[in-house]
Amino acid sequence: MANANRQFQVTDPAVLHALVRAQPLATLVIAHDGALHANHIPLYPDPTRGPNGSLIGHVARANTLWPLLPQQAVAVFHGPQAYVSPSWYPSKALDGKQVPTWNYATVHAHGALSAFDDPVRLRAILHTLSEQHEAHRPDPWSIDDAPPDYIDKMLRAIVGIELAVERWEGVWKVSQNRVDTDRAGVVQGLMAEGTPAAADMAALVRAALVA
């Protein structure tokens, strides 16, 4: 990621946090004893913890990740992505010298990953996660809807994790390296695909077109 084309790099924390909130399922990777360990865990940003904020979530107590902590880790968040056909570029008609590519938006968060099992803090995490993901529903579920003894049992079955972010990296590869007419062609081609994923990428390319 550090070697990504500068043209594609995004550093605005608000933009990076927005993608994390929209796509919270992180691929969380650590190295231990020469082996890589990857987990897929929903995380949410807490900008109030540390100079670069933290990412917070939880894993099952049976998960083999948390006994290995603390460790350096990277959390990878994937935003919109889409195949881009060279047939969408008007410039292809000039000399045919175009090839396919792939557009995407990603965030990498590097930092120190630690574990905790304070029940008060774990309960607060569950409140935060459920409120964030239930808020748009007409009848949102709340942790308080479940019997207290049941929640207490569930709390004993999980362990909290926190990634104290030392460095954020964002890459938005959304056809910024193309001329405006080609970018407009990419938007048109993506919209013609008729899928939500293609429409999401078209919105990012369109934003780069008018920037």
C-alpha atoms as a PDB file:
ATOM      1  CA  MET A   1       0.000   0.000   0.000  1.00  0.00           C
ATOM      2  CA  ALA A   2       2.842   2.405   0.816  1.00  0.00           C
ATOM      3  CA  ASN A   3       4.075   2.053  -2.771  1.00  0.00           C
ATOM      4  CA  ALA A   4       0.688   2.821  -4.317  1.00  0.00           C
ATOM      5  CA  ASN A   5       0.509   5.502  -6.996  1.00  0.00           C
ATOM      6  CA  ARG A   6       0.332   8.857  -5.202  1.00  0.00           C
ATOM      7  CA  GLN A   7      -2.497   9.801  -7.513  1.00  0.00           C
ATOM      8  CA  PHE A   8      -4.639   7.144  -5.837  1.00  0.00           C
ATOM      9  CA  GLN A   9      -3.706   7.808  -2.204  1.00  0.00           C
ATOM     10  CA  VAL A  10      -6.296   9.241   0.194  1.00  0.00           C
ATOM     11  CA  THR A  11      -5.264  10.706   3.545  1.00  0.00           C
ATOM     12  CA  ASP A  12      -8.350  12.563   4.769  1.00  0.00           C
ATOM     13  CA  PRO A  13      -9.328  10.828   8.067  1.00  0.00           C
ATOM     14  CA  ALA A  14     -12.993  11.668   7.550  1.00  0.00           C
ATOM     15  CA  VAL A  15     -13.017   9.857   4.200  1.00  0.00           C
ATOM     16  CA  LEU A  16     -11.152   6.851   5.589  1.00  0.00           C
ATOM     17  CA  HIS A  17     -13.402   6.583   8.655  1.00  0.00           C
ATOM     18  CA  ALA A  18     -16.484   6.858   6.442  1.00  0.00           C
ATOM     19  CA  LEU A  19     -15.428   3.788   4.454  1.00  0.00           C
ATOM     20  CA  VAL A  20     -14.676   1.881   7.683  1.00  0.00           C
ATOM     21  CA  ARG A  21     -18.126   2.716   9.041  1.00  0.00           C
ATOM     22  CA  ALA A  22     -19.797   1.763   5.758  1.00  0.00           C
ATOM     23  CA  GLN A  23     -17.813  -1.488   5.358  1.00  0.00           C
ATOM     24  CA  PRO A  24     -16.908  -2.522   8.931  1.00  0.00           C
ATOM     25  CA  LEU A  25     -15.924  -6.143   8.262  1.00  0.00           C
ATOM     26  CA  ALA A  26     -12.121  -6.034   8.451  1.00  0.00           C
ATOM     27  CA  THR A  27      -9.592  -8.613   7.369  1.00  0.00           C
ATOM     28  CA  LEU A  28      -7.355  -8.516  10.447  1.00  0.00           C
ATOM     29  CA  VAL A  29      -3.851  -9.923   9.948  1.00  0.00           C
ATOM     30  CA  ILE A  30      -1.029 -10.566  12.420  1.00  0.00           C
ATOM     31  CA  ALA A  31       2.292 -12.399  12.135  1.00  0.00           C
ATOM     32  CA  HIS A  32       3.306 -14.835  14.891  1.00  0.00           C
ATOM     33  CA  ASP A  33       6.201 -17.292  14.928  1.00  0.00           C
ATOM     34  CA  GLY A  34       6.717 -16.948  11.202  1.00  0.00           C
ATOM     35  CA  ALA A  35       3.077 -17.599  10.311  1.00  0.00           C
ATOM     36  CA  LEU A  36       0.347 -15.197   9.199  1.00  0.00           C
ATOM     37  CA  HIS A  37      -3.011 -15.306  10.960  1.00  0.00           C
ATOM     38  CA  ALA A  38      -6.066 -13.740   9.295  1.00  0.00           C
ATOM     39  CA  ASN A  39      -9.479 -13.149  10.841  1.00  0.00           C
ATOM     40  CA  HIS A  40     -12.592 -11.411   9.529  1.00  0.00           C
ATOM     41  CA  ILE A  41     -13.990  -9.197  12.282  1.00  0.00           C
ATOM     42  CA  PRO A  42     -16.359  -6.199  12.336  1.00  0.00           C
ATOM     43  CA  LEU A  43     -14.523  -3.196  13.803  1.00  0.00           C
ATOM     44  CA  TYR A  44     -15.651   0.354  14.468  1.00  0.00           C
ATOM     45  CA  PRO A  45     -13.457   3.461  14.716  1.00  0.00           C
ATOM     46  CA  ASP A  46     -13.146   5.383  17.971  1.00  0.00           C
ATOM     47  CA  PRO A  47     -11.321   8.626  17.062  1.00  0.00           C
ATOM     48  CA  THR A  48     -11.112   9.666  20.740  1.00  0.00           C
ATOM     49  CA  ARG A  49      -8.655   6.916  21.698  1.00  0.00           C
ATOM     50  CA  GLY A  50      -5.048   7.801  20.874  1.00  0.00           C
ATOM     51  CA  PRO A  51      -3.550  10.309  18.430  1.00  0.00           C
ATOM     52  CA  ASN A  52      -4.760   8.351  15.396  1.00  0.00           C
ATOM     53  CA  GLY A  53      -7.823   6.747  16.948  1.00  0.00           C
ATOM     54  CA  SER A  54      -8.521   3.075  17.537  1.00  0.00           C
ATOM     55  CA  LEU A  55     -10.514   0.264  15.965  1.00  0.00           C
ATOM     56  CA  ILE A  56     -12.572  -1.783  18.387  1.00  0.00           C
ATOM     57  CA  GLY A  57     -14.456  -5.063  18.204  1.00  0.00           C
ATOM     58  CA  HIS A  58     -14.618  -8.521  19.736  1.00  0.00           C
ATOM     59  CA  VAL A  59     -13.946 -12.168  18.965  1.00  0.00           C
ATOM     60  CA  ALA A  60     -15.201 -15.435  20.396  1.00  0.00           C
ATOM     61  CA  ARG A  61     -13.217 -16.589  23.411  1.00  0.00           C
ATOM     62  CA  ALA A  62     -12.582 -19.796  21.443  1.00  0.00           C
ATOM     63  CA  ASN A  63     -10.834 -17.781  18.712  1.00  0.00           C
ATOM     64  CA  THR A  64      -7.099 -18.516  18.624  1.00  0.00           C
ATOM     65  CA  LEU A  65      -6.262 -14.888  17.803  1.00  0.00           C
ATOM     66  CA  TRP A  66      -6.510 -13.170  21.163  1.00  0.00           C
ATOM     67  CA  PRO A  67      -4.098 -15.450  23.142  1.00  0.00           C
ATOM     68  CA  LEU A  68      -1.376 -14.340  20.693  1.00  0.00           C
ATOM     69  CA  LEU A  69      -1.823 -10.657  21.589  1.00  0.00           C
ATOM     70  CA  PRO A  70      -0.408  -8.073  21.907  1.00  0.00           C
ATOM     71  CA  GLN A  71       0.959  -8.002  18.365  1.00  0.00           C
ATOM     72  CA  GLN A  72       1.422  -5.589  15.510  1.00  0.00           C
ATOM     73  CA  ALA A  73      -1.459  -5.946  13.077  1.00  0.00           C
ATOM     74  CA  VAL A  74      -3.063  -4.542   9.969  1.00  0.00           C
ATOM     75  CA  ALA A  75      -6.814  -4.261   9.431  1.00  0.00           C
ATOM     76  CA  VAL A  76      -7.928  -4.147   5.794  1.00  0.00           C
ATOM     77  CA  PHE A  77     -11.312  -2.667   4.837  1.00  0.00           C
ATOM     78  CA  HIS A  78     -12.666  -3.113   1.308  1.00  0.00           C
ATOM     79  CA  GLY A  79     -14.975  -0.549  -0.245  1.00  0.00           C
ATOM     80  CA  PRO A  80     -16.513  -0.532  -3.729  1.00  0.00           C
ATOM     81  CA  GLN A  81     -14.643  -2.485  -6.432  1.00  0.00           C
ATOM     82  CA  ALA A  82     -15.300  -3.285 -10.066  1.00  0.00           C
ATOM     83  CA  TYR A  83     -13.738  -4.586 -13.271  1.00  0.00           C
ATOM     84  CA  VAL A  84     -13.146  -1.870 -15.879  1.00  0.00           C
ATOM     85  CA  SER A  85     -13.365  -2.842 -19.551  1.00  0.00           C
ATOM     86  CA  PRO A  86     -11.125  -1.008 -22.057  1.00  0.00           C
ATOM     87  CA  SER A  87     -14.127  -0.961 -24.384  1.00  0.00           C
ATOM     88  CA  TRP A  88     -15.552   1.815 -22.178  1.00  0.00           C
ATOM     89  CA  TYR A  89     -12.721   4.219 -23.084  1.00  0.00           C
ATOM     90  CA  PRO A  90     -13.413   6.510 -26.048  1.00  0.00           C
ATOM     91  CA  SER A  91      -9.615   6.746 -26.450  1.00  0.00           C
ATOM     92  CA  LYS A  92      -9.571   3.046 -27.413  1.00  0.00           C
ATOM     93  CA  ALA A  93     -10.769   4.099 -30.876  1.00  0.00           C
ATOM     94  CA  LEU A  94      -7.553   6.070 -31.453  1.00  0.00           C
ATOM     95  CA  ASP A  95      -4.995   3.260 -31.424  1.00  0.00           C
ATOM     96  CA  GLY A  96      -6.493   0.292 -29.536  1.00  0.00           C
ATOM     97  CA  LYS A  97      -3.695   0.476 -26.958  1.00  0.00           C
ATOM     98  CA  GLN A  98      -5.836  -0.089 -23.863  1.00  0.00           C
ATOM     99  CA  VAL A  99      -6.113  -2.987 -21.420  1.00  0.00           C
ATOM    100  CA  PRO A 100      -8.543  -3.970 -18.656  1.00  0.00           C
ATOM    101  CA  THR A 101      -8.025  -2.853 -15.083  1.00  0.00           C
ATOM    102  CA  TRP A 102      -9.709  -3.080 -11.707  1.00  0.00           C
ATOM    103  CA  ASN A 103     -10.968  -0.127  -9.682  1.00  0.00           C
ATOM    104  CA  TYR A 104     -11.254  -0.294  -5.902  1.00  0.00           C
ATOM    105  CA  ALA A 105     -11.264   1.636  -2.648  1.00  0.00           C
ATOM    106  CA  THR A 106      -9.480   0.243   0.419  1.00  0.00           C
ATOM    107  CA  VAL A 107      -8.304   1.320   3.839  1.00  0.00           C
ATOM    108  CA  HIS A 108      -5.406  -0.225   5.753  1.00  0.00           C
ATOM    109  CA  ALA A 109      -5.005   0.522   9.457  1.00  0.00           C
ATOM    110  CA  HIS A 110      -1.662  -0.441  10.992  1.00  0.00           C
ATOM    111  CA  GLY A 111      -1.039  -0.557  14.726  1.00  0.00           C
ATOM    112  CA  ALA A 112      -0.741  -2.476  17.978  1.00  0.00           C
ATOM    113  CA  LEU A 113      -3.505  -5.015  18.582  1.00  0.00           C
ATOM    114  CA  SER A 114      -4.418  -5.921  22.155  1.00  0.00           C
ATOM    115  CA  ALA A 115      -7.146  -7.894  23.937  1.00  0.00           C
ATOM    116  CA  PHE A 116      -9.293  -7.164  26.993  1.00  0.00           C
ATOM    117  CA  ASP A 117     -12.141  -8.879  28.820  1.00  0.00           C
ATOM    118  CA  ASP A 118     -13.528  -6.233  31.149  1.00  0.00           C
ATOM    119  CA  PRO A 119     -17.284  -7.022  31.160  1.00  0.00           C
ATOM    120  CA  VAL A 120     -18.318  -3.379  31.551  1.00  0.00           C
ATOM    121  CA  ARG A 121     -16.319  -2.361  28.494  1.00  0.00           C
ATOM    122  CA  LEU A 122     -17.478  -5.404  26.530  1.00  0.00           C
ATOM    123  CA  ARG A 123     -21.099  -4.545  27.242  1.00  0.00           C
ATOM    124  CA  ALA A 124     -20.480  -0.991  26.027  1.00  0.00           C
ATOM    125  CA  ILE A 125     -18.983  -2.375  22.803  1.00  0.00           C
ATOM    126  CA  LEU A 126     -22.045  -4.541  22.188  1.00  0.00           C
ATOM    127  CA  HIS A 127     -24.280  -1.515  22.770  1.00  0.00           C
ATOM    128  CA  THR A 128     -22.278   0.539  20.284  1.00  0.00           C
ATOM    129  CA  LEU A 129     -22.206  -2.156  17.611  1.00  0.00           C
ATOM    130  CA  SER A 130     -25.902  -2.954  17.859  1.00  0.00           C
ATOM    131  CA  GLU A 131     -26.883   0.734  17.862  1.00  0.00           C
ATOM    132  CA  GLN A 132     -24.788   1.407  14.767  1.00  0.00           C
ATOM    133  CA  HIS A 133     -26.138  -1.520  12.766  1.00  0.00           C
ATOM    134  CA  GLU A 134     -29.746  -1.407  13.971  1.00  0.00           C
ATOM    135  CA  ALA A 135     -30.328   2.371  13.831  1.00  0.00           C
ATOM    136  CA  HIS A 136     -31.866   2.351  10.333  1.00  0.00           C
ATOM    137  CA  ARG A 137     -34.410  -0.375  11.153  1.00  0.00           C
ATOM    138  CA  PRO A 138     -38.023   0.522  11.986  1.00  0.00           C
ATOM    139  CA  ASP A 139     -37.881  -1.663  15.108  1.00  0.00           C
ATOM    140  CA  PRO A 140     -34.187  -1.746  16.069  1.00  0.00           C
ATOM    141  CA  TRP A 141     -32.961  -4.567  18.276  1.00  0.00           C
ATOM    142  CA  SER A 142     -31.210  -3.537  21.482  1.00  0.00           C
ATOM    143  CA  ILE A 143     -28.970  -5.525  23.796  1.00  0.00           C
ATOM    144  CA  ASP A 144     -31.481  -4.621  26.501  1.00  0.00           C
ATOM    145  CA  ASP A 145     -34.124  -6.680  24.662  1.00  0.00           C
ATOM    146  CA  ALA A 146     -32.385  -9.870  25.775  1.00  0.00           C
ATOM    147  CA  PRO A 147     -32.570 -11.247  29.342  1.00  0.00           C
ATOM    148  CA  PRO A 148     -29.706  -9.858  31.478  1.00  0.00           C
ATOM    149  CA  ASP A 149     -28.499 -13.317  32.530  1.00  0.00           C
ATOM    150  CA  TYR A 150     -28.344 -14.374  28.878  1.00  0.00           C
ATOM    151  CA  ILE A 151     -26.254 -11.326  27.956  1.00  0.00           C
ATOM    152  CA  ASP A 152     -23.972 -12.001  30.939  1.00  0.00           C
ATOM    153  CA  LYS A 153     -23.439 -15.518  29.596  1.00  0.00           C
ATOM    154  CA  MET A 154     -22.689 -14.190  26.124  1.00  0.00           C
ATOM    155  CA  LEU A 155     -20.205 -11.670  27.539  1.00  0.00           C
ATOM    156  CA  ARG A 156     -18.233 -14.489  29.123  1.00  0.00           C
ATOM    157  CA  ALA A 157     -17.943 -16.099  25.693  1.00  0.00           C
ATOM    158  CA  ILE A 158     -16.218 -13.144  23.983  1.00  0.00           C
ATOM    159  CA  VAL A 159     -13.007 -11.143  24.276  1.00  0.00           C
ATOM    160  CA  GLY A 160     -12.618  -7.520  23.236  1.00  0.00           C
ATOM    161  CA  ILE A 161      -9.899  -6.390  20.848  1.00  0.00           C
ATOM    162  CA  GLU A 162      -8.513  -2.933  20.148  1.00  0.00           C
ATOM    163  CA  LEU A 163      -6.190  -1.824  17.369  1.00  0.00           C
ATOM    164  CA  ALA A 164      -4.395   1.348  18.440  1.00  0.00           C
ATOM    165  CA  VAL A 165      -3.861   2.846  14.995  1.00  0.00           C
ATOM    166  CA  GLU A 166      -0.362   4.095  14.268  1.00  0.00           C
ATOM    167  CA  ARG A 167      -0.879   4.685  10.554  1.00  0.00           C
ATOM    168  CA  TRP A 168      -3.840   4.927   8.200  1.00  0.00           C
ATOM    169  CA  GLU A 169      -3.453   4.234   4.483  1.00  0.00           C
ATOM    170  CA  GLY A 170      -6.166   4.737   1.897  1.00  0.00           C
ATOM    171  CA  VAL A 171      -6.161   3.951  -1.809  1.00  0.00           C
ATOM    172  CA  TRP A 172      -8.998   5.019  -4.100  1.00  0.00           C
ATOM    173  CA  LYS A 173      -8.175   3.681  -7.581  1.00  0.00           C
ATOM    174  CA  VAL A 174     -11.132   5.206  -9.413  1.00  0.00           C
ATOM    175  CA  SER A 175      -9.792   6.009 -12.900  1.00  0.00           C
ATOM    176  CA  GLN A 176      -8.037   9.254 -11.827  1.00  0.00           C
ATOM    177  CA  ASN A 177      -5.228   8.372 -14.265  1.00  0.00           C
ATOM    178  CA  ARG A 178      -7.563   8.544 -17.252  1.00  0.00           C
ATOM    179  CA  VAL A 179      -8.591  11.577 -19.268  1.00  0.00           C
ATOM    180  CA  ASP A 180     -12.033  13.013 -18.501  1.00  0.00           C
ATOM    181  CA  THR A 181     -13.674  11.453 -21.552  1.00  0.00           C
ATOM    182  CA  ASP A 182     -12.423   7.998 -20.556  1.00  0.00           C
ATOM    183  CA  ARG A 183     -13.597   8.498 -16.966  1.00  0.00           C
ATOM    184  CA  ALA A 184     -17.020   9.499 -18.256  1.00  0.00           C
ATOM    185  CA  GLY A 185     -17.005   6.333 -20.366  1.00  0.00           C
ATOM    186  CA  VAL A 186     -16.191   4.262 -17.280  1.00  0.00           C
ATOM    187  CA  VAL A 187     -19.140   5.793 -15.428  1.00  0.00           C
ATOM    188  CA  GLN A 188     -21.442   5.027 -18.351  1.00  0.00           C
ATOM    189  CA  GLY A 189     -20.119   1.474 -18.670  1.00  0.00           C
ATOM    190  CA  LEU A 190     -20.456   0.757 -14.968  1.00  0.00           C
ATOM    191  CA  MET A 191     -24.007   2.077 -14.828  1.00  0.00           C
ATOM    192  CA  ALA A 192     -24.914  -0.136 -17.787  1.00  0.00           C
ATOM    193  CA  GLU A 193     -23.786  -3.176 -15.754  1.00  0.00           C
ATOM    194  CA  GLY A 194     -26.897  -2.666 -13.644  1.00  0.00           C
ATOM    195  CA  THR A 195     -25.505  -4.001 -10.360  1.00  0.00           C
ATOM    196  CA  PRO A 196     -25.311  -2.221  -6.984  1.00  0.00           C
ATOM    197  CA  ALA A 197     -21.555  -2.859  -6.835  1.00  0.00           C
ATOM    198  CA  ALA A 198     -21.003  -1.261 -10.253  1.00  0.00           C
ATOM    199  CA  ALA A 199     -23.217   1.689  -9.296  1.00  0.00           C
ATOM    200  CA  ASP A 200     -21.187   2.243  -6.106  1.00  0.00           C
ATOM    201  CA  MET A 201     -17.954   2.356  -8.106  1.00  0.00           C
ATOM    202  CA  ALA A 202     -19.535   4.605 -10.727  1.00  0.00           C
ATOM    203  CA  ALA A 203     -20.315   7.094  -7.962  1.00  0.00           C
ATOM    204  CA  LEU A 204     -16.658   7.174  -6.918  1.00  0.00           C
ATOM    205  CA  VAL A 205     -15.450   7.605 -10.505  1.00  0.00           C
ATOM    206  CA  ARG A 206     -18.021  10.353 -11.035  1.00  0.00           C
ATOM    207  CA  ALA A 207     -16.776  12.158  -7.917  1.00  0.00           C
ATOM    208  CA  ALA A 208     -13.209  11.983  -9.249  1.00  0.00           C
ATOM    209  CA  LEU A 209     -14.416  13.275 -12.607  1.00  0.00           C
ATOM    210  CA  VAL A 210     -15.901  16.446 -11.112  1.00  0.00           C
ATOM    211  CA  ALA A 211     -13.198  16.996  -8.468  1.00  0.00           C
END
